[in-house]
């Protein structure tokens, strides 16, 4: 019959014999490895068109306090995207809320300082901007244009002299058009074109 000993021998002959490399050294940062796996898993499920499966690893990533802040924020984006695909706009909004983003940034600050190769301030600003713009888009989907505009204007005010992302400009044009402010929308487009 089949025994554990025979199974182990089969494994050693079949599997180990076909593997041409030795196992890697133990991970120095198992938390970072776990965070990377969760992030990649959520991404893969979204790419495979299965948002229901993507939610669990994305949520686990968001809640993993020891994970690098940039990966936790990507978890927010992936969870929101999965919820939108499942027509759960309320849940998507909560994944993109400024309160959650701030909480993640604060709780991950110590981890980010300890990590070598963690995201730079510029990277975090880009990720945060993406989350905010996704939140604005969700508010537009929910037809809460006043809230969308308020969030967007607040975000744009934080940019200072930086050029706003094209997505921000297009969202603002969309909101202005939906609110019947055609002249404002045209003015924004002219500013974008530099004229």
Protein backbone atom coordinates (compact mmCIF):
# COMPACT_ATOMS: atom_id res chain seq x y z
CA UNK A 1 0.00 0.00 0.00
CA UNK A 2 0.77 3.66 -0.01
CA UNK A 3 2.53 4.91 3.12
CA UNK A 4 3.95 8.20 4.28
CA UNK A 5 7.45 6.80 3.80
CA UNK A 6 6.69 5.78 0.21
CA UNK A 7 5.06 9.14 -0.45
CA UNK A 8 8.11 10.95 0.86
CA UNK A 9 10.40 8.82 -1.30
CA UNK A 10 8.24 9.46 -4.36
CA UNK A 11 8.31 13.19 -3.63
CA UNK A 12 12.09 13.18 -3.31
CA UNK A 13 12.55 11.26 -6.57
CA UNK A 14 9.87 13.04 -8.62
CA UNK A 15 9.76 16.60 -7.37
CA UNK A 16 13.21 17.23 -5.99
CA UNK A 17 14.75 15.42 -8.92
CA UNK A 18 13.06 17.81 -11.35
CA UNK A 19 13.80 20.99 -9.43
CA UNK A 20 17.13 22.43 -10.53
CA UNK A 21 17.56 24.91 -7.69
CA UNK A 22 17.79 24.65 -3.93
CA UNK A 23 15.22 26.26 -1.63
CA UNK A 24 15.93 29.89 -0.84
CA UNK A 25 17.23 31.08 2.49
CA UNK A 26 14.53 31.96 5.00
CA UNK A 27 12.95 35.34 4.36
CA UNK A 28 14.46 38.12 6.46
CA UNK A 29 11.16 39.96 6.48
CA UNK A 30 8.28 37.48 6.44
CA UNK A 31 5.79 40.31 6.91
CA UNK A 32 7.00 42.05 3.75
CA UNK A 33 6.87 38.77 1.87
CA UNK A 34 3.32 38.12 3.11
CA UNK A 35 2.31 41.64 2.06
CA UNK A 36 3.79 41.13 -1.42
CA UNK A 37 2.01 37.81 -1.82
CA UNK A 38 -1.34 39.29 -0.72
CA UNK A 39 -0.90 42.26 -3.07
CA UNK A 40 -0.02 40.03 -6.02
CA UNK A 41 -2.86 37.63 -5.23
CA UNK A 42 -5.44 40.44 -5.21
CA UNK A 43 -4.03 41.75 -8.49
CA UNK A 44 -4.10 38.31 -10.14
CA UNK A 45 -7.70 37.65 -9.08
CA UNK A 46 -8.73 41.02 -10.53
CA UNK A 47 -6.89 40.27 -13.77
CA UNK A 48 -8.60 36.88 -13.94
CA UNK A 49 -11.96 38.65 -13.66
CA UNK A 50 -12.85 37.29 -10.21
CA UNK A 51 -13.38 40.31 -7.96
CA UNK A 52 -15.01 38.19 -5.25
CA UNK A 53 -11.75 36.27 -4.78
CA UNK A 54 -9.72 39.50 -4.91
CA UNK A 55 -11.46 41.08 -1.93
CA UNK A 56 -10.08 38.71 0.73
CA UNK A 57 -6.36 39.19 0.02
CA UNK A 58 -6.86 42.94 -0.54
CA UNK A 59 -8.63 43.31 2.83
CA UNK A 60 -6.00 41.16 4.56
CA UNK A 61 -3.32 43.43 3.07
CA UNK A 62 -5.09 46.57 4.29
CA UNK A 63 -5.29 45.12 7.80
CA UNK A 64 -1.67 43.88 7.88
CA UNK A 65 -0.22 46.62 10.09
CA UNK A 66 3.36 45.45 9.56
CA UNK A 67 3.12 45.71 5.77
CA UNK A 68 4.79 48.59 3.93
CA UNK A 69 2.45 51.53 3.52
CA UNK A 70 2.65 51.53 -0.27
CA UNK A 71 1.41 47.93 -0.45
CA UNK A 72 -1.37 48.61 2.04
CA UNK A 73 -2.53 51.53 -0.07
CA UNK A 74 -2.49 49.32 -3.18
CA UNK A 75 -4.68 46.96 -1.17
CA UNK A 76 -7.16 49.82 -0.81
CA UNK A 77 -7.19 50.35 -4.57
CA UNK A 78 -7.61 46.65 -5.33
CA UNK A 79 -10.38 46.24 -2.73
CA UNK A 80 -12.21 49.26 -4.11
CA UNK A 81 -11.90 48.00 -7.69
CA UNK A 82 -13.22 44.57 -6.68
CA UNK A 83 -16.16 46.14 -4.86
CA UNK A 84 -16.98 48.37 -7.82
CA UNK A 85 -16.97 45.34 -10.11
CA UNK A 86 -19.41 43.69 -7.68
CA UNK A 87 -21.65 46.82 -7.72
CA UNK A 88 -20.84 47.53 -4.06
CA UNK A 89 -20.16 51.26 -4.29
CA UNK A 90 -20.59 51.89 -0.56
CA UNK A 91 -17.91 49.33 0.26
CA UNK A 92 -15.70 50.75 -2.50
CA UNK A 93 -16.07 54.21 -1.02
CA UNK A 94 -15.05 52.97 2.42
CA UNK A 95 -11.90 51.39 0.91
CA UNK A 96 -10.97 54.78 -0.57
CA UNK A 97 -11.91 56.99 2.37
CA UNK A 98 -9.39 59.64 3.39
CA UNK A 99 -9.76 58.45 7.00
CA UNK A 100 -8.61 54.94 6.07
CA UNK A 101 -5.72 56.30 4.01
CA UNK A 102 -4.60 58.52 6.90
CA UNK A 103 -4.92 55.65 9.39
CA UNK A 104 -2.81 53.41 7.17
CA UNK A 105 -0.16 56.08 6.70
CA UNK A 106 0.05 56.74 10.44
CA UNK A 107 0.11 53.09 11.51
CA UNK A 108 2.65 52.18 8.84
CA UNK A 109 5.00 55.09 9.47
CA UNK A 110 7.23 53.07 11.81
CA UNK A 111 7.29 50.12 9.41
CA UNK A 112 8.17 52.34 6.45
CA UNK A 113 11.13 53.80 8.36
CA UNK A 114 12.44 50.31 9.14
CA UNK A 115 12.05 49.00 5.61
CA UNK A 116 14.86 49.39 3.17
CA UNK A 117 13.61 49.96 -0.32
CA UNK A 118 10.20 51.10 0.86
CA UNK A 119 8.26 53.69 -1.09
CA UNK A 120 9.58 57.23 -1.26
CA UNK A 121 7.50 60.22 -0.27
CA UNK A 122 6.85 60.90 -3.96
CA UNK A 123 5.60 57.33 -4.48
CA UNK A 124 3.30 57.60 -1.48
CA UNK A 125 1.94 60.92 -2.73
CA UNK A 126 1.21 59.33 -6.12
CA UNK A 127 -0.52 56.35 -4.51
CA UNK A 128 -2.50 58.62 -2.19
CA UNK A 129 -3.48 60.79 -5.16
CA UNK A 130 -4.66 57.71 -7.04
CA UNK A 131 -6.79 56.66 -4.08
CA UNK A 132 -8.31 60.12 -3.78
CA UNK A 133 -9.06 60.31 -7.51
CA UNK A 134 -10.59 56.83 -7.40
CA UNK A 135 -12.73 58.01 -4.49
CA UNK A 136 -13.87 60.98 -6.58
CA UNK A 137 -14.74 58.60 -9.44
CA UNK A 138 -16.77 56.41 -7.05
CA UNK A 139 -18.63 59.49 -5.81
CA UNK A 140 -19.42 60.34 -9.44
CA UNK A 141 -20.72 56.80 -10.01
CA UNK A 142 -22.91 57.24 -6.95
CA UNK A 143 -24.07 60.56 -8.47
CA UNK A 144 -22.89 62.50 -5.41
CA UNK A 145 -21.30 65.22 -7.52
CA UNK A 146 -21.11 67.79 -4.73
CA UNK A 147 -19.08 65.44 -2.53
CA UNK A 148 -16.95 64.42 -5.51
CA UNK A 149 -16.19 68.05 -6.30
CA UNK A 150 -15.43 68.88 -2.66
CA UNK A 151 -12.93 65.98 -2.40
CA UNK A 152 -11.37 66.86 -5.74
CA UNK A 153 -10.98 70.57 -4.97
CA UNK A 154 -9.43 69.70 -1.60
CA UNK A 155 -6.98 67.34 -3.33
CA UNK A 156 -6.08 69.90 -5.99
CA UNK A 157 -5.37 72.48 -3.27
CA UNK A 158 -2.73 70.15 -1.78
CA UNK A 159 -0.77 70.06 -5.03
CA UNK A 160 0.45 73.65 -4.75
CA UNK A 161 2.31 74.55 -7.96
CA UNK A 162 2.43 70.96 -9.23
CA UNK A 163 0.59 70.14 -12.43
CA UNK A 164 -2.56 68.20 -11.57
CA UNK A 165 -2.83 64.70 -12.99
CA UNK A 166 -4.84 64.46 -16.19
CA UNK A 167 -7.36 62.19 -14.41
CA UNK A 168 -8.06 65.00 -11.91
CA UNK A 169 -8.66 67.49 -14.69
CA UNK A 170 -10.97 65.14 -16.58
CA UNK A 171 -12.93 64.37 -13.41
CA UNK A 172 -13.36 68.08 -12.75
CA UNK A 173 -14.53 68.66 -16.33
CA UNK A 174 -16.98 65.75 -16.00
CA UNK A 175 -18.38 67.11 -12.73
CA UNK A 176 -18.74 70.61 -14.16
CA UNK A 177 -20.55 69.28 -17.23
CA UNK A 178 -22.86 67.07 -15.15
CA UNK A 179 -23.71 70.08 -12.98
CA UNK A 180 -24.51 72.14 -16.08
CA UNK A 181 -21.46 74.40 -15.82
CA UNK A 182 -20.40 74.23 -19.47
CA UNK A 183 -18.42 77.47 -19.35
CA UNK A 184 -16.38 76.28 -16.35
CA UNK A 185 -15.71 72.96 -18.11
CA UNK A 186 -14.48 74.75 -21.24
CA UNK A 187 -12.32 77.06 -19.16
CA UNK A 188 -10.69 74.09 -17.42
CA UNK A 189 -10.00 72.39 -20.77
CA UNK A 190 -8.45 75.59 -22.16
CA UNK A 191 -6.19 75.86 -19.09
CA UNK A 192 -5.17 72.23 -19.58
CA UNK A 193 -4.21 72.95 -23.18
CA UNK A 194 -2.15 75.90 -22.06
CA UNK A 195 -4.30 78.59 -23.57
